[in-house]
N, C-alpha and C. Protein backbone atom coordinates (compact mmCIF):
# COMPACT_ATOMS: atom_id res chain seq x y z
N MET A 1 -12.32 18.12 14.27
CA MET A 1 -11.78 17.51 15.45
C MET A 1 -10.89 18.53 16.13
N LYS A 2 -10.98 18.58 17.46
CA LYS A 2 -10.22 19.54 18.23
C LYS A 2 -9.27 18.81 19.17
N ILE A 3 -8.02 19.28 19.21
CA ILE A 3 -7.02 18.72 20.11
C ILE A 3 -6.42 19.88 20.89
N VAL A 4 -6.33 19.71 22.21
CA VAL A 4 -5.86 20.78 23.09
C VAL A 4 -4.69 20.27 23.92
N ARG A 5 -3.72 21.14 24.14
CA ARG A 5 -2.58 20.80 24.98
C ARG A 5 -2.10 22.04 25.71
N SER A 6 -1.69 21.87 26.95
CA SER A 6 -1.15 22.98 27.75
C SER A 6 0.15 22.54 28.39
N PHE A 7 1.07 23.49 28.55
CA PHE A 7 2.32 23.21 29.25
C PHE A 7 2.91 24.52 29.74
N SER A 8 3.84 24.41 30.66
CA SER A 8 4.55 25.58 31.20
C SER A 8 5.97 25.56 30.69
N ALA A 9 6.55 26.76 30.55
CA ALA A 9 7.93 26.86 30.09
C ALA A 9 8.61 28.03 30.81
N PRO A 10 9.88 27.85 31.21
CA PRO A 10 10.61 28.94 31.85
C PRO A 10 11.18 29.90 30.81
N VAL A 11 10.27 30.50 30.03
CA VAL A 11 10.64 31.37 28.92
C VAL A 11 9.71 32.59 28.95
N SER A 12 10.25 33.75 28.59
CA SER A 12 9.44 34.97 28.57
C SER A 12 8.41 34.91 27.44
N GLU A 13 7.39 35.72 27.54
CA GLU A 13 6.32 35.74 26.53
C GLU A 13 6.86 36.10 25.15
N THR A 14 7.79 37.03 25.10
CA THR A 14 8.38 37.43 23.81
C THR A 14 9.08 36.26 23.14
N ASN A 15 9.87 35.51 23.90
CA ASN A 15 10.56 34.34 23.34
C ASN A 15 9.58 33.25 22.94
N VAL A 16 8.53 33.06 23.73
CA VAL A 16 7.52 32.05 23.38
C VAL A 16 6.88 32.41 22.05
N ARG A 17 6.51 33.68 21.89
CA ARG A 17 5.90 34.12 20.63
C ARG A 17 6.84 33.89 19.45
N GLU A 18 8.07 34.32 19.59
CA GLU A 18 9.04 34.17 18.50
C GLU A 18 9.24 32.70 18.13
N ARG A 19 9.41 31.86 19.13
CA ARG A 19 9.65 30.44 18.88
C ARG A 19 8.43 29.74 18.29
N ALA A 20 7.25 30.10 18.78
CA ALA A 20 6.02 29.50 18.25
C ALA A 20 5.83 29.88 16.78
N VAL A 21 6.04 31.16 16.47
CA VAL A 21 5.89 31.62 15.09
C VAL A 21 6.92 30.93 14.19
N LEU A 22 8.15 30.88 14.62
CA LEU A 22 9.21 30.25 13.83
C LEU A 22 8.91 28.77 13.58
N PHE A 23 8.56 28.04 14.65
CA PHE A 23 8.30 26.61 14.51
C PHE A 23 7.11 26.35 13.58
N LEU A 24 5.99 27.02 13.84
CA LEU A 24 4.79 26.75 13.05
C LEU A 24 4.95 27.18 11.59
N CYS A 25 5.67 28.25 11.33
CA CYS A 25 5.93 28.64 9.93
C CYS A 25 6.83 27.62 9.25
N GLN A 26 7.82 27.09 9.97
CA GLN A 26 8.67 26.03 9.40
C GLN A 26 7.88 24.76 9.13
N SER A 27 6.80 24.56 9.87
CA SER A 27 5.97 23.37 9.71
C SER A 27 4.88 23.55 8.66
N GLY A 28 4.92 24.66 7.94
CA GLY A 28 3.98 24.86 6.85
C GLY A 28 2.75 25.68 7.18
N TYR A 29 2.64 26.19 8.38
CA TYR A 29 1.49 27.01 8.76
C TYR A 29 1.73 28.45 8.32
N ARG A 30 0.62 29.15 8.04
CA ARG A 30 0.69 30.58 7.74
C ARG A 30 0.08 31.34 8.91
N GLN A 31 0.79 32.37 9.36
CA GLN A 31 0.28 33.14 10.49
C GLN A 31 -0.88 34.01 10.01
N GLN A 32 -1.95 34.01 10.79
CA GLN A 32 -3.13 34.81 10.50
C GLN A 32 -3.16 35.98 11.48
N SER A 33 -4.11 36.85 11.32
CA SER A 33 -4.28 37.94 12.28
C SER A 33 -4.61 37.34 13.63
N ASP A 34 -3.99 37.88 14.68
CA ASP A 34 -4.27 37.38 16.03
C ASP A 34 -5.75 37.60 16.33
N SER A 35 -6.34 36.62 17.00
CA SER A 35 -7.77 36.73 17.30
C SER A 35 -8.02 36.41 18.76
N GLY A 36 -8.61 37.33 19.45
CA GLY A 36 -9.01 37.12 20.84
C GLY A 36 -7.85 36.80 21.77
N GLY A 37 -6.70 37.41 21.57
CA GLY A 37 -5.55 37.16 22.43
C GLY A 37 -4.77 35.91 22.07
N TYR A 38 -5.13 35.25 20.99
CA TYR A 38 -4.45 34.04 20.53
C TYR A 38 -3.57 34.38 19.34
N LEU A 39 -2.45 33.66 19.23
CA LEU A 39 -1.73 33.63 17.96
C LEU A 39 -2.49 32.63 17.10
N HIS A 40 -2.75 32.97 15.86
CA HIS A 40 -3.57 32.12 15.01
C HIS A 40 -2.75 31.73 13.78
N PHE A 41 -2.73 30.41 13.48
CA PHE A 41 -2.01 29.88 12.34
C PHE A 41 -2.94 28.96 11.56
N LYS A 42 -2.71 28.88 10.26
CA LYS A 42 -3.56 28.05 9.41
C LYS A 42 -2.69 27.30 8.41
N ARG A 43 -3.10 26.05 8.13
CA ARG A 43 -2.41 25.24 7.14
C ARG A 43 -3.44 24.42 6.39
N GLY A 44 -3.20 24.20 5.11
CA GLY A 44 -4.09 23.35 4.31
C GLY A 44 -5.37 24.04 3.94
N SER A 45 -6.31 23.25 3.40
CA SER A 45 -7.61 23.78 3.00
C SER A 45 -8.62 22.64 3.01
N ASN A 46 -9.89 23.03 2.89
CA ASN A 46 -10.93 22.00 2.84
C ASN A 46 -10.82 21.17 1.57
N ILE A 47 -10.35 21.77 0.49
CA ILE A 47 -10.12 21.01 -0.74
C ILE A 47 -8.95 20.05 -0.54
N GLY A 48 -7.93 20.49 0.20
CA GLY A 48 -6.79 19.63 0.49
C GLY A 48 -7.18 18.42 1.32
N ALA A 49 -8.28 18.53 2.05
CA ALA A 49 -8.75 17.40 2.85
C ALA A 49 -9.19 16.25 1.95
N LEU A 50 -9.51 16.57 0.70
CA LEU A 50 -9.87 15.52 -0.24
C LEU A 50 -8.65 14.72 -0.68
N SER A 51 -7.47 15.30 -0.50
CA SER A 51 -6.21 14.62 -0.82
C SER A 51 -5.79 13.84 0.41
N ASN A 52 -6.33 12.66 0.56
CA ASN A 52 -6.12 11.86 1.77
C ASN A 52 -4.68 11.53 2.06
N PHE A 53 -3.82 11.48 1.05
CA PHE A 53 -2.48 10.97 1.24
C PHE A 53 -1.52 11.94 1.92
N ASN A 54 -1.84 13.22 1.96
CA ASN A 54 -0.94 14.19 2.57
C ASN A 54 -1.66 14.93 3.70
N PRO A 55 -1.39 14.56 4.95
CA PRO A 55 -2.10 15.19 6.07
C PRO A 55 -1.77 16.67 6.25
N CYS A 56 -0.68 17.13 5.66
CA CYS A 56 -0.33 18.54 5.76
C CYS A 56 -1.22 19.41 4.88
N ARG A 57 -2.03 18.79 4.04
CA ARG A 57 -2.97 19.54 3.21
C ARG A 57 -4.36 19.62 3.85
N TRP A 58 -4.58 18.88 4.93
CA TRP A 58 -5.86 18.95 5.60
C TRP A 58 -6.01 20.31 6.26
N ALA A 59 -7.20 20.86 6.23
CA ALA A 59 -7.44 22.18 6.84
C ALA A 59 -7.20 22.10 8.34
N CYS A 60 -6.31 22.94 8.82
CA CYS A 60 -5.96 22.92 10.25
C CYS A 60 -5.74 24.35 10.73
N ASN A 61 -6.38 24.70 11.81
CA ASN A 61 -6.18 25.98 12.48
C ASN A 61 -5.54 25.71 13.83
N VAL A 62 -4.48 26.45 14.15
CA VAL A 62 -3.82 26.31 15.44
C VAL A 62 -3.89 27.66 16.14
N PHE A 63 -4.31 27.61 17.41
CA PHE A 63 -4.40 28.81 18.23
C PHE A 63 -3.45 28.63 19.42
N VAL A 64 -2.61 29.62 19.66
CA VAL A 64 -1.65 29.57 20.76
C VAL A 64 -1.95 30.75 21.68
N ARG A 65 -2.22 30.44 22.94
CA ARG A 65 -2.48 31.48 23.95
C ARG A 65 -1.35 31.42 24.97
N ILE A 66 -0.82 32.58 25.30
CA ILE A 66 0.32 32.65 26.21
C ILE A 66 -0.05 33.53 27.40
N LYS A 67 0.17 33.00 28.59
CA LYS A 67 0.02 33.78 29.83
C LYS A 67 1.37 33.75 30.52
N SER A 68 1.92 34.94 30.75
CA SER A 68 3.27 35.00 31.33
C SER A 68 3.31 35.85 32.59
N GLU A 69 4.20 35.42 33.46
CA GLU A 69 4.57 36.20 34.64
C GLU A 69 6.09 36.16 34.71
N GLY A 70 6.73 37.23 34.26
CA GLY A 70 8.18 37.27 34.23
C GLY A 70 8.71 36.28 33.22
N ASN A 71 9.56 35.36 33.67
CA ASN A 71 10.15 34.36 32.78
C ASN A 71 9.45 33.01 32.86
N LEU A 72 8.23 32.97 33.35
CA LEU A 72 7.46 31.73 33.39
C LEU A 72 6.19 31.92 32.57
N SER A 73 6.00 31.07 31.61
CA SER A 73 4.85 31.19 30.70
C SER A 73 4.02 29.92 30.73
N GLU A 74 2.72 30.11 30.67
CA GLU A 74 1.77 29.01 30.52
C GLU A 74 1.25 29.09 29.09
N ILE A 75 1.46 28.02 28.33
CA ILE A 75 1.10 28.00 26.91
C ILE A 75 -0.05 27.02 26.72
N ASN A 76 -1.09 27.50 26.06
CA ASN A 76 -2.26 26.68 25.73
C ASN A 76 -2.35 26.62 24.21
N ILE A 77 -2.30 25.41 23.66
CA ILE A 77 -2.35 25.22 22.21
C ILE A 77 -3.63 24.46 21.88
N GLU A 78 -4.31 24.93 20.86
CA GLU A 78 -5.54 24.27 20.42
C GLU A 78 -5.48 24.13 18.90
N ALA A 79 -5.72 22.93 18.42
CA ALA A 79 -5.75 22.68 16.98
C ALA A 79 -7.13 22.18 16.58
N GLU A 80 -7.64 22.74 15.50
CA GLU A 80 -8.89 22.28 14.91
C GLU A 80 -8.54 21.78 13.51
N ILE A 81 -8.71 20.49 13.29
CA ILE A 81 -8.34 19.89 12.01
C ILE A 81 -9.56 19.20 11.41
N SER A 82 -9.77 19.43 10.12
CA SER A 82 -10.92 18.80 9.47
C SER A 82 -10.46 17.57 8.70
N THR A 83 -10.95 16.43 9.12
CA THR A 83 -10.62 15.17 8.47
C THR A 83 -11.86 14.31 8.39
N ASP A 84 -11.76 13.30 7.60
CA ASP A 84 -12.78 12.28 7.53
C ASP A 84 -12.72 11.50 8.85
N PRO A 85 -13.85 11.07 9.40
CA PRO A 85 -13.81 10.32 10.67
C PRO A 85 -12.92 9.08 10.63
N THR A 86 -12.74 8.48 9.46
CA THR A 86 -11.87 7.30 9.38
C THR A 86 -10.40 7.68 9.48
N GLU A 87 -10.09 8.97 9.32
CA GLU A 87 -8.71 9.43 9.38
C GLU A 87 -8.38 10.08 10.71
N LYS A 88 -9.27 9.98 11.67
CA LYS A 88 -9.09 10.65 12.96
C LYS A 88 -7.78 10.25 13.64
N ARG A 89 -7.44 8.98 13.61
CA ARG A 89 -6.22 8.52 14.29
C ARG A 89 -4.97 9.10 13.64
N PHE A 90 -5.01 9.30 12.31
CA PHE A 90 -3.86 9.89 11.63
C PHE A 90 -3.72 11.37 11.98
N ALA A 91 -4.85 12.05 12.07
CA ALA A 91 -4.82 13.47 12.45
C ALA A 91 -4.31 13.62 13.88
N GLU A 92 -4.75 12.75 14.77
CA GLU A 92 -4.27 12.80 16.16
C GLU A 92 -2.77 12.55 16.23
N GLU A 93 -2.27 11.58 15.44
CA GLU A 93 -0.84 11.30 15.44
C GLU A 93 -0.05 12.50 14.94
N LEU A 94 -0.52 13.13 13.87
CA LEU A 94 0.16 14.30 13.31
C LEU A 94 0.19 15.46 14.30
N ILE A 95 -0.97 15.81 14.83
CA ILE A 95 -1.04 16.97 15.73
C ILE A 95 -0.30 16.71 17.03
N THR A 96 -0.41 15.50 17.58
CA THR A 96 0.30 15.17 18.82
C THR A 96 1.80 15.29 18.62
N ALA A 97 2.31 14.77 17.50
CA ALA A 97 3.75 14.87 17.21
C ALA A 97 4.16 16.32 17.04
N GLU A 98 3.36 17.09 16.31
CA GLU A 98 3.70 18.50 16.11
C GLU A 98 3.64 19.28 17.43
N PHE A 99 2.67 18.97 18.28
CA PHE A 99 2.59 19.65 19.58
C PHE A 99 3.83 19.34 20.43
N SER A 100 4.28 18.10 20.40
CA SER A 100 5.48 17.73 21.16
C SER A 100 6.71 18.48 20.65
N LEU A 101 6.83 18.57 19.33
CA LEU A 101 7.95 19.30 18.75
C LEU A 101 7.85 20.80 19.02
N LEU A 102 6.62 21.33 19.03
CA LEU A 102 6.41 22.75 19.36
C LEU A 102 6.80 23.01 20.80
N GLU A 103 6.44 22.10 21.70
CA GLU A 103 6.82 22.25 23.11
C GLU A 103 8.34 22.25 23.25
N ALA A 104 9.01 21.36 22.53
CA ALA A 104 10.48 21.33 22.58
C ALA A 104 11.07 22.61 22.01
N ALA A 105 10.46 23.13 20.95
CA ALA A 105 10.96 24.37 20.35
C ALA A 105 10.82 25.53 21.33
N ILE A 106 9.69 25.59 22.02
CA ILE A 106 9.47 26.70 22.96
C ILE A 106 10.32 26.52 24.21
N THR A 107 10.31 25.34 24.78
CA THR A 107 10.99 25.10 26.05
C THR A 107 12.51 25.01 25.91
N LEU A 108 12.98 24.26 24.91
CA LEU A 108 14.41 23.98 24.77
C LEU A 108 15.09 24.73 23.63
N ASN A 109 14.30 25.47 22.85
CA ASN A 109 14.81 26.19 21.68
C ASN A 109 15.42 25.23 20.66
N GLU A 110 14.82 24.03 20.52
CA GLU A 110 15.24 23.01 19.55
C GLU A 110 14.17 22.92 18.46
N PHE A 111 14.56 23.23 17.24
CA PHE A 111 13.59 23.27 16.15
C PHE A 111 13.77 22.08 15.23
N LYS A 112 12.82 21.17 15.28
CA LYS A 112 12.77 20.02 14.38
C LYS A 112 11.35 19.96 13.83
N THR A 113 11.23 19.60 12.56
CA THR A 113 9.90 19.45 11.99
C THR A 113 9.55 17.97 11.92
N TYR A 114 8.28 17.69 11.93
CA TYR A 114 7.79 16.32 11.90
C TYR A 114 7.89 15.77 10.48
N ASP A 115 8.51 14.62 10.32
CA ASP A 115 8.61 13.96 9.03
C ASP A 115 7.33 13.17 8.79
N VAL A 116 6.52 13.64 7.85
CA VAL A 116 5.21 13.02 7.62
C VAL A 116 5.27 11.84 6.65
N SER A 117 6.44 11.47 6.17
CA SER A 117 6.52 10.39 5.17
C SER A 117 5.99 9.06 5.72
N GLY A 118 6.30 8.75 6.97
CA GLY A 118 5.78 7.52 7.58
C GLY A 118 4.27 7.56 7.73
N LEU A 119 3.74 8.73 8.10
CA LEU A 119 2.30 8.89 8.25
C LEU A 119 1.61 8.80 6.89
N LYS A 120 2.23 9.35 5.86
CA LYS A 120 1.66 9.26 4.51
C LYS A 120 1.54 7.80 4.08
N LYS A 121 2.54 6.99 4.41
CA LYS A 121 2.50 5.57 4.06
C LYS A 121 1.36 4.86 4.79
N LYS A 122 1.17 5.20 6.07
CA LYS A 122 0.06 4.60 6.84
C LYS A 122 -1.28 4.99 6.23
N ILE A 123 -1.41 6.25 5.85
CA ILE A 123 -2.66 6.72 5.26
C ILE A 123 -2.92 6.03 3.93
N ALA A 124 -1.88 5.92 3.10
CA ALA A 124 -2.03 5.24 1.81
C ALA A 124 -2.44 3.79 2.01
N ALA A 125 -1.81 3.10 2.97
CA ALA A 125 -2.17 1.71 3.25
C ALA A 125 -3.62 1.61 3.70
N HIS A 126 -4.06 2.56 4.51
CA HIS A 126 -5.45 2.57 4.99
C HIS A 126 -6.42 2.76 3.81
N VAL A 127 -6.11 3.72 2.93
CA VAL A 127 -6.99 3.99 1.79
C VAL A 127 -7.03 2.79 0.86
N TYR A 128 -5.87 2.20 0.58
CA TYR A 128 -5.84 1.03 -0.29
C TYR A 128 -6.60 -0.13 0.34
N HIS A 129 -6.52 -0.25 1.64
CA HIS A 129 -7.23 -1.31 2.36
C HIS A 129 -8.74 -1.13 2.20
N VAL A 130 -9.22 0.10 2.38
CA VAL A 130 -10.65 0.39 2.25
C VAL A 130 -11.10 0.13 0.81
N VAL A 131 -10.31 0.58 -0.15
CA VAL A 131 -10.64 0.36 -1.56
C VAL A 131 -10.66 -1.14 -1.86
N GLY A 132 -9.72 -1.88 -1.29
CA GLY A 132 -9.68 -3.33 -1.49
C GLY A 132 -10.92 -4.02 -0.95
N ILE A 133 -11.36 -3.60 0.24
CA ILE A 133 -12.56 -4.19 0.82
C ILE A 133 -13.78 -3.88 -0.04
N PHE A 134 -13.89 -2.64 -0.50
CA PHE A 134 -15.02 -2.25 -1.35
C PHE A 134 -15.00 -3.05 -2.65
N THR A 135 -13.83 -3.18 -3.25
CA THR A 135 -13.70 -3.93 -4.50
C THR A 135 -14.07 -5.39 -4.28
N ALA A 136 -13.63 -5.96 -3.18
CA ALA A 136 -13.96 -7.36 -2.88
C ALA A 136 -15.47 -7.52 -2.71
N PHE A 137 -16.11 -6.55 -2.08
CA PHE A 137 -17.56 -6.62 -1.90
C PHE A 137 -18.26 -6.57 -3.25
N VAL A 138 -17.85 -5.64 -4.11
CA VAL A 138 -18.46 -5.52 -5.43
C VAL A 138 -18.24 -6.81 -6.23
N PHE A 139 -17.03 -7.35 -6.15
CA PHE A 139 -16.72 -8.61 -6.83
C PHE A 139 -17.64 -9.73 -6.33
N ALA A 140 -17.83 -9.80 -5.02
CA ALA A 140 -18.68 -10.85 -4.44
C ALA A 140 -20.12 -10.70 -4.91
N VAL A 141 -20.62 -9.47 -4.97
CA VAL A 141 -22.00 -9.24 -5.42
C VAL A 141 -22.14 -9.66 -6.89
N ILE A 142 -21.20 -9.23 -7.72
CA ILE A 142 -21.26 -9.58 -9.14
C ILE A 142 -21.18 -11.09 -9.33
N LEU A 143 -20.26 -11.74 -8.61
CA LEU A 143 -20.13 -13.19 -8.74
C LEU A 143 -21.40 -13.91 -8.25
N GLY A 144 -22.01 -13.40 -7.18
CA GLY A 144 -23.26 -13.98 -6.70
C GLY A 144 -24.38 -13.85 -7.71
N ILE A 145 -24.47 -12.69 -8.34
CA ILE A 145 -25.53 -12.48 -9.36
C ILE A 145 -25.29 -13.38 -10.57
N VAL A 146 -24.04 -13.43 -11.03
CA VAL A 146 -23.73 -14.27 -12.19
C VAL A 146 -23.98 -15.75 -11.87
N GLY A 147 -23.56 -16.18 -10.67
CA GLY A 147 -23.80 -17.58 -10.27
C GLY A 147 -25.28 -17.91 -10.21
N GLY A 148 -26.06 -16.99 -9.65
CA GLY A 148 -27.51 -17.21 -9.58
C GLY A 148 -28.14 -17.25 -10.95
N LEU A 149 -27.74 -16.32 -11.84
CA LEU A 149 -28.28 -16.32 -13.20
C LEU A 149 -27.89 -17.58 -13.96
N PHE A 150 -26.65 -18.02 -13.77
CA PHE A 150 -26.20 -19.26 -14.42
C PHE A 150 -27.05 -20.45 -13.96
N ALA A 151 -27.28 -20.51 -12.66
CA ALA A 151 -28.09 -21.62 -12.13
C ALA A 151 -29.52 -21.56 -12.66
N TYR A 152 -30.05 -20.36 -12.83
CA TYR A 152 -31.43 -20.20 -13.31
C TYR A 152 -31.55 -20.53 -14.80
N VAL A 153 -30.60 -20.04 -15.59
CA VAL A 153 -30.69 -20.19 -17.05
C VAL A 153 -30.17 -21.55 -17.51
N GLU A 154 -28.98 -21.91 -17.09
CA GLU A 154 -28.33 -23.10 -17.63
C GLU A 154 -28.73 -24.39 -16.90
N LEU A 155 -28.92 -24.32 -15.61
CA LEU A 155 -29.23 -25.52 -14.84
C LEU A 155 -30.73 -25.70 -14.62
N ASP A 156 -31.51 -24.75 -15.10
CA ASP A 156 -32.97 -24.79 -15.02
C ASP A 156 -33.47 -24.96 -13.58
N ILE A 157 -32.82 -24.24 -12.66
CA ILE A 157 -33.23 -24.23 -11.26
C ILE A 157 -34.25 -23.12 -11.10
N SER A 158 -35.19 -23.29 -10.17
CA SER A 158 -36.21 -22.27 -9.97
C SER A 158 -35.57 -20.93 -9.60
N LEU A 159 -36.33 -19.87 -9.76
CA LEU A 159 -35.84 -18.53 -9.46
C LEU A 159 -35.44 -18.42 -7.99
N PHE A 160 -36.24 -19.02 -7.12
CA PHE A 160 -35.92 -19.00 -5.69
C PHE A 160 -34.61 -19.75 -5.42
N GLY A 161 -34.46 -20.91 -6.01
CA GLY A 161 -33.24 -21.70 -5.83
C GLY A 161 -32.02 -20.98 -6.38
N ALA A 162 -32.18 -20.35 -7.55
CA ALA A 162 -31.07 -19.61 -8.16
C ALA A 162 -30.69 -18.41 -7.29
N SER A 163 -31.69 -17.76 -6.72
CA SER A 163 -31.42 -16.63 -5.81
C SER A 163 -30.67 -17.12 -4.58
N ALA A 164 -31.07 -18.25 -4.05
CA ALA A 164 -30.40 -18.82 -2.88
C ALA A 164 -28.95 -19.17 -3.21
N ILE A 165 -28.71 -19.72 -4.38
CA ILE A 165 -27.34 -20.02 -4.81
C ILE A 165 -26.52 -18.74 -4.91
N GLY A 166 -27.09 -17.70 -5.51
CA GLY A 166 -26.40 -16.42 -5.65
C GLY A 166 -26.05 -15.82 -4.30
N VAL A 167 -27.00 -15.85 -3.37
CA VAL A 167 -26.75 -15.33 -2.02
C VAL A 167 -25.71 -16.19 -1.31
N GLY A 168 -25.78 -17.49 -1.51
CA GLY A 168 -24.80 -18.38 -0.90
C GLY A 168 -23.39 -18.08 -1.38
N ILE A 169 -23.25 -17.88 -2.69
CA ILE A 169 -21.93 -17.53 -3.25
C ILE A 169 -21.46 -16.21 -2.67
N LEU A 170 -22.35 -15.24 -2.62
CA LEU A 170 -22.01 -13.93 -2.05
C LEU A 170 -21.53 -14.06 -0.61
N LEU A 171 -22.25 -14.78 0.21
CA LEU A 171 -21.88 -14.95 1.61
C LEU A 171 -20.58 -15.72 1.78
N LEU A 172 -20.38 -16.73 0.95
CA LEU A 172 -19.14 -17.51 1.01
C LEU A 172 -17.93 -16.64 0.68
N ILE A 173 -18.02 -15.88 -0.39
CA ILE A 173 -16.91 -15.01 -0.77
C ILE A 173 -16.70 -13.92 0.29
N ALA A 174 -17.79 -13.36 0.81
CA ALA A 174 -17.66 -12.34 1.86
C ALA A 174 -16.98 -12.93 3.09
N ALA A 175 -17.31 -14.15 3.45
CA ALA A 175 -16.68 -14.79 4.62
C ALA A 175 -15.19 -15.01 4.38
N VAL A 176 -14.83 -15.44 3.17
CA VAL A 176 -13.41 -15.65 2.84
C VAL A 176 -12.65 -14.33 2.93
N PHE A 177 -13.20 -13.27 2.34
CA PHE A 177 -12.54 -11.97 2.39
C PHE A 177 -12.46 -11.43 3.82
N LEU A 178 -13.47 -11.68 4.63
CA LEU A 178 -13.44 -11.25 6.02
C LEU A 178 -12.34 -11.97 6.78
N MET A 179 -12.18 -13.26 6.56
CA MET A 179 -11.10 -14.01 7.23
C MET A 179 -9.73 -13.50 6.79
N ILE A 180 -9.58 -13.24 5.49
CA ILE A 180 -8.30 -12.71 4.99
C ILE A 180 -8.03 -11.35 5.60
N TRP A 181 -9.04 -10.50 5.66
CA TRP A 181 -8.90 -9.16 6.21
C TRP A 181 -8.51 -9.21 7.69
N ARG A 182 -9.18 -10.06 8.46
CA ARG A 182 -8.85 -10.18 9.89
C ARG A 182 -7.43 -10.69 10.10
N LYS A 183 -7.03 -11.66 9.32
CA LYS A 183 -5.67 -12.20 9.43
C LYS A 183 -4.65 -11.11 9.07
N GLN A 184 -4.91 -10.36 8.03
CA GLN A 184 -4.01 -9.30 7.61
C GLN A 184 -3.97 -8.21 8.66
N LYS A 185 -5.09 -7.89 9.27
CA LYS A 185 -5.16 -6.84 10.29
C LYS A 185 -4.36 -7.24 11.53
N LYS A 186 -4.42 -8.53 11.91
CA LYS A 186 -3.65 -9.01 13.06
C LYS A 186 -2.16 -8.96 12.81
N THR A 187 -1.75 -9.30 11.60
CA THR A 187 -0.31 -9.30 11.30
C THR A 187 0.25 -7.90 11.08
N SER A 188 -0.60 -6.92 10.79
CA SER A 188 -0.11 -5.56 10.55
C SER A 188 0.06 -4.78 11.83
N ARG A 189 -0.32 -5.31 12.97
CA ARG A 189 -0.17 -4.59 14.24
C ARG A 189 1.21 -4.69 14.78
């Protein structure tokens, strides 16, 4: 996923470079060799992307391009972050917040780093929610199969009837979990 941002600052190119390097290094990025006129920074790794709970471990490349005329600079920032598509909103929140803080660091010379603890909690809640839905689905399938087998073996219902009972149980439990999930989703907003 790519996120781009541009802004102007009444700061010389030398100061922009110094402030960008200082801010991004404080935020956990490592400066790479400049490429194509860009300052290049990297944080995380593709293996770190498997660690869903810490967005600072996701592979992220940041490129900063500076065009200056005297004490006026045009800064173009581009971030490429690798995340799972379900985590896109978390990556956007992280990069948007970091870009805002980087702009403040360059423009106002105010250095603050983004506190990711709140974002980590949101990501954990999201992962637990997905795991909960998957577990509920597996539970519903198992209960449907057991109910159908019970009806077939113990109640001497035909195979078709037992299958219908199993599917009915599965659908009923799925509907209950869907209602609970929707209610929980509405209250979490």
